[in-house]
């Protein structure tokens, strides 16, 4: 998915007001990615066989040297000013370990499918339903890595969900910030539609207290109520954003959506 990787990389490259390193972990691709990495001195890149996506992310985290860590899949990108906002937020809130922002779901041409506004991260909500906060808008302090927390590479699809639940259950403090930080392109090949989701959900549930399964519907009902009251279904003003698209891989394209919706409408 080299063409998506180029957009992802461009969205990191143009972040201003912060020092960062960009590490690309490739699974020995044959689509030109290796050659692209060799020409791109701005990124640290390795290409080799791995044991799935989460094994690859672990490799990157172990190489990373920053105080704040995050990861993007190649079909994701940061919105303008994201890293500077994250840096300032962590500086002002030293008690917070993890932050989640809001996310845009877009088509490959950059047009909006839907917005995803997050709300308070609670591990019981996630365990009873799904990870309702997108990983492309998640950032966490390096101390989490230093404490030995990495992704469980046994998972191939929902490892980010299991990772977040494990962090919250171990007492790391997370919060949601009401700002769009990332964009997620629906390519048709996203792991979120992988047939292995159900199998891995059961695998994750087996590691949790039985009360989560017994009271799943009650917990999920409370979650929906909090989601509604938080305003996650609403956007009061027109939505403006800039992303890299299949036609503009070197310059962001601006979009204005007068009536953005949280509903998934693929047309």
Protein backbone atom coordinates (compact mmCIF):
# COMPACT_ATOMS: atom_id res chain seq x y z
CA UNK A 1 0.00 0.00 0.00
CA UNK A 2 2.81 2.37 -0.95
CA UNK A 3 0.51 5.07 -2.30
CA UNK A 4 -1.25 5.28 1.07
CA UNK A 5 2.08 5.21 2.91
CA UNK A 6 3.19 8.29 0.95
CA UNK A 7 0.14 10.23 2.17
CA UNK A 8 0.62 8.99 5.73
CA UNK A 9 4.28 10.05 5.67
CA UNK A 10 3.44 13.46 4.20
CA UNK A 11 0.97 14.10 7.03
CA UNK A 12 3.76 13.53 9.55
CA UNK A 13 6.36 15.49 7.61
CA UNK A 14 4.37 18.74 7.58
CA UNK A 15 3.73 18.83 11.35
CA UNK A 16 5.13 22.06 12.78
CA UNK A 17 6.23 23.19 16.23
CA UNK A 18 7.52 19.85 17.50
CA UNK A 19 10.56 17.60 17.14
CA UNK A 20 9.69 14.07 16.10
CA UNK A 21 11.04 10.92 14.53
CA UNK A 22 9.11 8.86 12.01
CA UNK A 23 9.84 5.13 11.96
CA UNK A 24 8.38 2.96 9.20
CA UNK A 25 8.19 -0.79 9.78
CA UNK A 26 7.44 -2.66 6.56
CA UNK A 27 6.71 -6.37 6.23
CA UNK A 28 9.05 -7.03 3.29
CA UNK A 29 6.70 -5.51 0.72
CA UNK A 30 7.21 -5.94 -3.02
CA UNK A 31 5.24 -2.85 -4.15
CA UNK A 32 8.15 -0.40 -4.19
CA UNK A 33 8.04 0.44 -0.49
CA UNK A 34 11.59 -0.80 0.12
CA UNK A 35 12.94 1.40 -2.67
CA UNK A 36 10.90 4.36 -1.42
CA UNK A 37 12.34 3.93 2.06
CA UNK A 38 15.84 3.84 0.61
CA UNK A 39 15.26 7.21 -1.06
CA UNK A 40 13.60 8.83 1.97
CA UNK A 41 16.29 9.83 4.44
CA UNK A 42 13.74 11.64 6.64
CA UNK A 43 12.30 8.38 7.98
CA UNK A 44 13.94 5.47 9.74
CA UNK A 45 12.78 2.41 7.89
CA UNK A 46 13.23 -1.33 8.11
CA UNK A 47 11.67 -3.98 5.88
CA UNK A 48 11.56 -7.60 6.98
CA UNK A 49 9.13 -10.41 7.62
CA UNK A 50 7.13 -10.03 10.80
CA UNK A 51 4.51 -11.83 12.83
CA UNK A 52 1.66 -9.50 11.96
CA UNK A 53 0.84 -5.82 12.35
CA UNK A 54 1.18 -5.67 16.13
CA UNK A 55 4.55 -7.37 16.05
CA UNK A 56 5.63 -4.65 13.60
CA UNK A 57 4.31 -1.87 15.84
CA UNK A 58 6.22 -3.35 18.78
CA UNK A 59 9.42 -3.19 16.71
CA UNK A 60 8.81 0.48 16.06
CA UNK A 61 8.07 1.27 19.70
CA UNK A 62 11.29 -0.45 20.78
CA UNK A 63 13.23 1.71 18.31
CA UNK A 64 11.49 4.95 19.31
CA UNK A 65 13.30 7.51 21.44
CA UNK A 66 10.69 10.19 22.02
CA UNK A 67 8.86 11.16 25.21
CA UNK A 68 5.49 10.64 23.51
CA UNK A 69 4.66 7.69 21.26
CA UNK A 70 1.99 6.98 18.69
CA UNK A 71 1.52 4.87 15.59
CA UNK A 72 -0.25 5.18 12.27
CA UNK A 73 -1.26 2.50 9.82
CA UNK A 74 -0.47 3.44 6.24
CA UNK A 75 -4.15 4.20 5.50
CA UNK A 76 -4.19 6.85 8.26
CA UNK A 77 -2.82 10.36 8.58
CA UNK A 78 -2.56 13.23 11.01
CA UNK A 79 -4.47 16.46 10.55
CA UNK A 80 -2.56 19.78 10.55
CA UNK A 81 -1.23 20.86 13.94
CA UNK A 82 -1.89 17.52 15.63
CA UNK A 83 1.57 16.88 17.08
CA UNK A 84 1.97 20.43 18.40
CA UNK A 85 -1.42 20.16 20.14
CA UNK A 86 -0.49 16.79 21.66
CA UNK A 87 2.86 18.09 22.91
CA UNK A 88 1.23 21.10 24.60
CA UNK A 89 -1.57 19.03 26.13
CA UNK A 90 0.82 16.55 27.74
CA UNK A 91 2.99 19.40 29.03
CA UNK A 92 -0.02 21.01 30.72
CA UNK A 93 -1.42 17.74 32.07
CA UNK A 94 1.45 15.72 33.59
CA UNK A 95 -0.97 13.35 35.33
CA UNK A 96 -2.37 12.07 32.00
CA UNK A 97 -0.73 9.01 30.41
CA UNK A 98 -2.87 8.55 27.29
CA UNK A 99 -4.97 10.91 25.20
CA UNK A 100 -7.54 10.17 22.52
CA UNK A 101 -8.80 12.72 20.03
CA UNK A 102 -11.56 12.65 17.42
CA UNK A 103 -11.20 11.09 13.98
CA UNK A 104 -12.48 11.55 10.44
CA UNK A 105 -13.42 8.56 8.29
CA UNK A 106 -12.69 9.46 4.68
CA UNK A 107 -12.68 7.92 1.22
CA UNK A 108 -9.41 7.57 -0.73
CA UNK A 109 -10.29 10.81 -2.55
CA UNK A 110 -10.49 12.62 0.80
CA UNK A 111 -14.26 13.06 0.89
CA UNK A 112 -15.88 12.56 4.27
CA UNK A 113 -17.73 9.36 5.12
CA UNK A 114 -18.42 10.19 8.76
CA UNK A 115 -16.92 11.79 11.85
CA UNK A 116 -16.07 9.83 14.96
CA UNK A 117 -16.10 11.85 18.18
CA UNK A 118 -14.75 10.04 21.20
CA UNK A 119 -15.77 10.20 24.85
CA UNK A 120 -14.37 9.13 28.21
CA UNK A 121 -12.15 6.02 27.85
CA UNK A 122 -13.47 3.33 30.21
CA UNK A 123 -12.13 -0.19 30.00
CA UNK A 124 -15.44 -1.83 30.90
CA UNK A 125 -17.13 -0.05 27.97
CA UNK A 126 -14.44 -1.18 25.56
CA UNK A 127 -14.45 -4.75 26.89
CA UNK A 128 -18.23 -4.98 26.58
CA UNK A 129 -18.37 -3.51 23.07
CA UNK A 130 -15.40 -2.30 21.01
CA UNK A 131 -12.62 0.27 20.97
CA UNK A 132 -14.72 3.37 20.31
CA UNK A 133 -11.63 5.60 20.23
CA UNK A 134 -9.53 5.35 17.08
CA UNK A 135 -5.86 4.45 17.35
CA UNK A 136 -4.78 7.06 14.77
CA UNK A 137 -5.84 9.72 17.30
CA UNK A 138 -4.18 8.03 20.31
CA UNK A 139 -0.95 9.21 21.95
CA UNK A 140 0.78 7.90 25.07
CA UNK A 141 3.78 8.67 27.23
CA UNK A 142 6.99 6.75 26.82
CA UNK A 143 6.79 5.54 30.41
CA UNK A 144 4.20 3.02 29.26
CA UNK A 145 6.79 1.44 26.96
CA UNK A 146 9.48 1.69 29.63
CA UNK A 147 7.13 -0.14 32.01
CA UNK A 148 7.10 -3.05 29.56
CA UNK A 149 3.69 -2.64 27.97
CA UNK A 150 3.58 -3.67 24.33
CA UNK A 151 1.00 -5.13 21.97
CA UNK A 152 0.09 -8.79 22.24
CA UNK A 153 1.26 -10.15 18.88
CA UNK A 154 -1.09 -13.12 19.15
CA UNK A 155 -3.80 -10.75 17.96
CA UNK A 156 -3.88 -9.88 14.26
CA UNK A 157 -6.93 -7.58 14.13
CA UNK A 158 -8.04 -6.16 17.51
CA UNK A 159 -4.67 -5.90 19.27
CA UNK A 160 -5.17 -2.16 19.79
CA UNK A 161 -8.40 -2.84 21.69
CA UNK A 162 -6.73 -5.40 23.94
CA UNK A 163 -3.76 -3.06 24.48
CA UNK A 164 -5.93 -0.13 25.61
CA UNK A 165 -8.03 -2.31 27.95
CA UNK A 166 -4.85 -3.69 29.52
CA UNK A 167 -3.39 -0.21 30.04
CA UNK A 168 -6.57 1.12 31.65
CA UNK A 169 -6.91 -1.93 33.89
CA UNK A 170 -3.34 -1.34 35.07
CA UNK A 171 -4.16 2.15 36.24
CA UNK A 172 -2.82 4.35 33.44
CA UNK A 173 -4.81 7.53 33.19
CA UNK A 174 -6.50 8.31 29.89
CA UNK A 175 -8.66 11.17 28.71
CA UNK A 176 -10.49 12.28 25.61
CA UNK A 177 -9.81 15.67 24.01
CA UNK A 178 -12.50 17.20 21.83
CA UNK A 179 -10.36 17.87 18.79
CA UNK A 180 -10.03 16.09 15.44
CA UNK A 181 -6.46 14.76 15.31
CA UNK A 182 -6.43 12.03 12.67
CA UNK A 183 -8.07 10.71 9.52
CA UNK A 184 -8.70 7.11 8.60
CA UNK A 185 -9.15 6.18 4.92
CA UNK A 186 -11.57 3.35 4.15
CA UNK A 187 -9.74 1.40 1.47
CA UNK A 188 -11.82 -1.78 1.49
CA UNK A 189 -8.86 -3.69 2.89
CA UNK A 190 -8.99 -2.35 6.44
CA UNK A 191 -8.58 -4.87 9.24
CA UNK A 192 -11.71 -3.54 10.94
CA UNK A 193 -13.74 -5.58 8.41
CA UNK A 194 -11.60 -8.70 8.76
CA UNK A 195 -13.48 -11.96 9.34
CA UNK A 196 -11.19 -12.77 12.28
CA UNK A 197 -12.70 -10.02 14.45
CA UNK A 198 -15.28 -12.30 16.09
CA UNK A 199 -12.70 -14.97 16.90
CA UNK A 200 -10.32 -12.46 18.46
CA UNK A 201 -13.12 -10.75 20.39
CA UNK A 202 -13.78 -14.08 22.07
CA UNK A 203 -10.07 -14.54 22.72
CA UNK A 204 -9.93 -11.13 24.42
CA UNK A 205 -13.13 -11.80 26.40
CA UNK A 206 -11.62 -14.98 27.83
CA UNK A 207 -9.01 -12.81 29.57
CA UNK A 208 -11.62 -10.61 31.30
CA UNK A 209 -13.86 -11.06 34.35
CA UNK A 210 -16.98 -13.13 33.66
CA UNK A 211 -19.13 -10.25 34.90
CA UNK A 212 -18.31 -8.33 31.72
CA UNK A 213 -19.96 -11.03 29.63
CA UNK A 214 -22.91 -11.45 31.99
CA UNK A 215 -23.73 -7.75 32.14
CA UNK A 216 -22.61 -6.85 28.61
CA UNK A 217 -25.95 -5.42 27.49
CA UNK A 218 -26.37 -3.31 30.63
CA UNK A 219 -22.83 -1.94 30.33
CA UNK A 220 -23.36 -1.19 26.65
CA UNK A 221 -26.61 0.62 27.42
CA UNK A 222 -24.85 2.85 29.93
CA UNK A 223 -22.10 3.44 27.36
CA UNK A 224 -24.61 4.60 24.74
CA UNK A 225 -26.16 6.98 27.25
CA UNK A 226 -22.79 8.53 28.09
CA UNK A 227 -21.93 8.74 24.40
CA UNK A 228 -25.15 10.64 23.71
CA UNK A 229 -24.74 13.00 26.66
CA UNK A 230 -21.13 13.71 25.69
CA UNK A 231 -22.24 15.10 22.33
CA UNK A 232 -20.51 12.42 20.27
CA UNK A 233 -23.43 12.26 17.83
CA UNK A 234 -23.49 15.96 17.12
CA UNK A 235 -21.42 18.55 15.28
CA UNK A 236 -22.81 22.05 15.57
CA UNK A 237 -20.89 23.79 12.79
CA UNK A 238 -19.59 23.02 9.30
CA UNK A 239 -16.59 20.71 9.31
CA UNK A 240 -13.41 21.91 7.61
CA UNK A 241 -10.31 19.76 7.23
CA UNK A 242 -7.24 19.20 5.07
CA UNK A 243 -5.84 15.82 4.08
CA UNK A 244 -3.65 14.21 1.47
CA UNK A 245 -5.59 12.37 -1.23
CA UNK A 246 -4.96 10.01 -4.12
CA UNK A 247 -4.75 13.05 -6.42
CA UNK A 248 -2.78 15.26 -4.02
CA UNK A 249 -0.01 13.29 -2.32
CA UNK A 250 2.36 16.25 -1.88
CA UNK A 251 -0.11 18.97 -0.87
CA UNK A 252 -3.12 18.84 1.44
CA UNK A 253 -6.52 19.27 -0.13
CA UNK A 254 -9.09 21.33 1.76
CA UNK A 255 -12.67 20.14 2.31
CA UNK A 256 -15.74 21.83 3.77
CA UNK A 257 -18.72 19.70 4.83
CA UNK A 258 -21.75 21.76 5.76
CA UNK A 259 -23.70 18.88 7.31
CA UNK A 260 -21.29 16.26 8.55
CA UNK A 261 -22.76 13.09 10.00
CA UNK A 262 -21.65 10.42 12.43
CA UNK A 263 -23.52 7.86 10.31
CA UNK A 264 -21.61 5.66 7.92
CA UNK A 265 -22.82 6.60 4.44
CA UNK A 266 -20.65 5.10 1.71
CA UNK A 267 -21.76 6.46 -1.67
